[in-house]
């Protein structure tokens, strides 16, 4: 029974880590290509850029969509006023993105603890820990990739604030937003 428990802990922990990695893969973007897509969309129409932002939840597009929404409510073309409104809304829009990553991180951390517990049980009961070691190595690789991807996502949030948010303000100042109704 104890041997079965060690296998269940290891495989269950691996499942938690895989779930976190799959969640991270779903919201992982290449910043250079995503930046170019957004800048091209901003050059065409802010309305289309706002729609595009709604499709990419969990990325830097989400706070950009919040900034575009607040910028549209300003109904001005003054860049200083737009910047004073869009920057705080961008920062507030970053909160759901970081919370999503914290949720994924918690799931992955739980998986790492389960894998370590399964390995410790296997060693403690003197069973063959070959499968446990393989699972632990796979978990370590997945956790390393996840940590790198999470740091990259946080970097993308900061880069988008510095690179793309001024382009949003400029697009409003040039009158590329169409008000409906």
Protein backbone atom coordinates (compact mmCIF):
# COMPACT_ATOMS: atom_id res chain seq x y z
CA UNK A 1 0.00 0.00 0.00
CA UNK A 2 2.82 2.42 0.85
CA UNK A 3 4.55 1.68 -2.46
CA UNK A 4 1.32 2.44 -4.30
CA UNK A 5 1.04 5.71 -2.37
CA UNK A 6 4.55 6.74 -3.43
CA UNK A 7 3.69 6.09 -7.09
CA UNK A 8 0.39 7.93 -6.76
CA UNK A 9 2.10 10.95 -5.20
CA UNK A 10 4.77 11.11 -7.89
CA UNK A 11 2.40 10.70 -10.81
CA UNK A 12 -0.18 13.05 -9.27
CA UNK A 13 2.51 15.66 -8.74
CA UNK A 14 3.63 15.28 -12.33
CA UNK A 15 0.02 15.85 -13.41
CA UNK A 16 -0.11 19.11 -11.41
CA UNK A 17 3.13 20.30 -12.99
CA UNK A 18 1.94 19.37 -16.49
CA UNK A 19 -1.30 21.28 -15.87
CA UNK A 20 0.72 24.37 -14.90
CA UNK A 21 2.95 24.02 -17.96
CA UNK A 22 -0.05 23.62 -20.28
CA UNK A 23 -1.64 26.71 -18.73
CA UNK A 24 1.57 28.66 -19.26
CA UNK A 25 1.90 27.44 -22.84
CA UNK A 26 -1.59 28.68 -23.65
CA UNK A 27 -0.73 32.28 -22.70
CA UNK A 28 2.89 32.33 -23.85
CA UNK A 29 3.60 34.84 -26.63
CA UNK A 30 6.63 35.78 -28.64
CA UNK A 31 7.04 39.44 -27.72
CA UNK A 32 8.62 40.70 -30.96
CA UNK A 33 5.91 39.27 -33.21
CA UNK A 34 3.08 40.20 -30.82
CA UNK A 35 4.47 43.72 -30.54
CA UNK A 36 4.57 44.10 -34.31
CA UNK A 37 1.00 42.79 -34.65
CA UNK A 38 -0.21 45.27 -32.06
CA UNK A 39 1.66 48.22 -33.53
CA UNK A 40 0.31 47.39 -36.99
CA UNK A 41 -3.19 47.15 -35.59
CA UNK A 42 -2.76 50.47 -33.79
CA UNK A 43 -1.68 52.05 -37.07
CA UNK A 44 -4.87 50.79 -38.73
CA UNK A 45 -7.58 51.22 -36.10
CA UNK A 46 -7.77 51.42 -32.33
CA UNK A 47 -11.15 49.70 -32.44
CA UNK A 48 -9.63 46.62 -34.08
CA UNK A 49 -6.71 46.72 -31.65
CA UNK A 50 -9.15 46.70 -28.73
CA UNK A 51 -10.93 43.67 -30.17
CA UNK A 52 -7.59 41.93 -30.66
CA UNK A 53 -6.71 42.62 -27.01
CA UNK A 54 -9.85 40.81 -25.85
CA UNK A 55 -8.73 37.61 -27.55
CA UNK A 56 -5.41 37.28 -25.70
CA UNK A 57 -6.31 36.93 -22.01
CA UNK A 58 -3.41 36.36 -19.65
CA UNK A 59 -0.89 38.27 -21.78
CA UNK A 60 0.20 41.90 -22.07
CA UNK A 61 -2.68 42.39 -24.52
CA UNK A 62 -5.15 42.30 -21.62
CA UNK A 63 -3.82 45.44 -19.86
CA UNK A 64 -3.45 47.15 -23.25
CA UNK A 65 -7.15 46.51 -23.85
CA UNK A 66 -7.95 48.11 -20.49
CA UNK A 67 -5.82 51.12 -21.41
CA UNK A 68 -7.56 51.49 -24.77
CA UNK A 69 -10.96 51.32 -23.08
CA UNK A 70 -10.03 54.07 -20.60
CA UNK A 71 -8.40 56.13 -23.35
CA UNK A 72 -11.63 56.02 -25.33
CA UNK A 73 -13.55 57.30 -22.32
CA UNK A 74 -11.27 60.33 -22.08
CA UNK A 75 -12.61 61.77 -25.36
CA UNK A 76 -9.55 63.94 -25.86
CA UNK A 77 -6.57 64.11 -28.18
CA UNK A 78 -4.18 65.58 -25.62
CA UNK A 79 -1.32 63.10 -25.17
CA UNK A 80 -0.57 64.23 -21.61
CA UNK A 81 -4.14 63.64 -20.44
CA UNK A 82 -4.30 60.32 -22.28
CA UNK A 83 -1.03 59.16 -20.73
CA UNK A 84 -2.23 60.13 -17.25
CA UNK A 85 -5.32 57.96 -17.80
CA UNK A 86 -3.90 54.99 -19.71
CA UNK A 87 -0.85 54.29 -17.53
CA UNK A 88 -2.81 53.60 -14.33
CA UNK A 89 -5.36 51.55 -16.24
CA UNK A 90 -2.55 49.53 -17.82
CA UNK A 91 -1.03 48.93 -14.40
CA UNK A 92 -4.42 47.86 -13.04
CA UNK A 93 -4.90 45.58 -16.06
CA UNK A 94 -1.61 43.85 -15.21
CA UNK A 95 -3.07 42.55 -11.94
CA UNK A 96 -5.27 39.80 -13.48
CA UNK A 97 -2.34 38.66 -15.61
CA UNK A 98 -0.01 38.36 -12.63
CA UNK A 99 -2.76 36.64 -10.62
CA UNK A 100 -3.18 34.09 -13.41
CA UNK A 101 0.55 33.36 -13.31
CA UNK A 102 0.48 33.11 -9.51
CA UNK A 103 -2.33 30.56 -9.76
CA UNK A 104 -0.34 28.51 -12.24
CA UNK A 105 2.76 28.83 -10.04
CA UNK A 106 0.84 27.57 -7.01
CA UNK A 107 -0.39 24.57 -8.97
CA UNK A 108 3.14 23.79 -10.14
CA UNK A 109 4.58 24.23 -6.66
CA UNK A 110 2.01 21.80 -5.29
CA UNK A 111 3.07 19.31 -7.96
CA UNK A 112 6.76 19.65 -7.09
CA UNK A 113 5.99 18.99 -3.42
CA UNK A 114 3.96 15.89 -4.31
CA UNK A 115 6.75 14.53 -6.53
CA UNK A 116 9.31 15.12 -3.77
CA UNK A 117 7.06 13.38 -1.25
CA UNK A 118 6.62 10.40 -3.59
CA UNK A 119 10.38 10.15 -4.10
CA UNK A 120 10.99 10.39 -0.34
CA UNK A 121 8.45 7.64 0.31
CA UNK A 122 10.02 5.41 -2.32
CA UNK A 123 13.48 5.86 -0.83
CA UNK A 124 12.15 5.47 2.72
CA UNK A 125 10.42 2.17 1.95
CA UNK A 126 13.42 0.89 -0.04
CA UNK A 127 11.47 0.31 -3.22
CA UNK A 128 12.88 0.81 -6.69
CA UNK A 129 12.91 4.60 -7.14
CA UNK A 130 13.66 4.51 -10.89
CA UNK A 131 10.23 5.79 -11.96
CA UNK A 132 10.29 8.35 -9.14
CA UNK A 133 13.67 9.69 -10.22
CA UNK A 134 12.52 9.94 -13.85
CA UNK A 135 9.38 11.79 -12.75
CA UNK A 136 11.48 14.07 -10.52
CA UNK A 137 13.83 14.91 -13.42
CA UNK A 138 10.88 15.64 -15.73
CA UNK A 139 9.32 17.78 -13.02
CA UNK A 140 12.55 19.72 -12.54
CA UNK A 141 12.80 20.40 -16.28
CA UNK A 142 9.17 21.49 -16.47
CA UNK A 143 9.54 23.69 -13.38
CA UNK A 144 12.64 25.35 -14.83
CA UNK A 145 10.84 26.05 -18.11
CA UNK A 146 7.85 27.40 -16.20
CA UNK A 147 9.97 29.76 -14.09
CA UNK A 148 11.73 31.05 -17.21
CA UNK A 149 8.41 31.58 -19.01
CA UNK A 150 6.90 33.36 -16.01
CA UNK A 151 9.87 35.74 -15.81
CA UNK A 152 9.60 36.34 -19.56
CA UNK A 153 5.91 37.19 -19.20
CA UNK A 154 6.65 39.72 -16.46
CA UNK A 155 9.35 41.24 -18.67
CA UNK A 156 6.85 41.47 -21.54
CA UNK A 157 4.43 43.37 -19.30
CA UNK A 158 7.12 45.94 -18.54
CA UNK A 159 8.27 46.18 -22.15
CA UNK A 160 4.72 46.66 -23.43
CA UNK A 161 4.23 49.49 -20.95
CA UNK A 162 7.34 51.20 -22.28
CA UNK A 163 6.99 50.34 -25.99
CA UNK A 164 3.34 49.95 -26.91
CA UNK A 165 1.45 52.12 -24.42
CA UNK A 166 2.91 55.38 -25.82
CA UNK A 167 1.81 54.19 -29.28
CA UNK A 168 -1.72 53.74 -27.92
CA UNK A 169 -1.68 57.31 -26.60
CA UNK A 170 -0.35 58.57 -29.92
CA UNK A 171 -3.05 56.70 -31.85
CA UNK A 172 -5.73 58.38 -29.74
CA UNK A 173 -4.05 61.75 -30.26
CA UNK A 174 -4.11 61.20 -34.04
CA UNK A 175 -7.82 60.35 -33.91
CA UNK A 176 -7.73 56.69 -34.93
CA UNK A 177 -10.55 55.70 -32.57
CA UNK A 178 -14.09 55.66 -33.94
CA UNK A 179 -16.84 56.35 -31.43
CA UNK A 180 -19.99 54.38 -32.00
CA UNK A 181 -23.43 55.68 -31.09
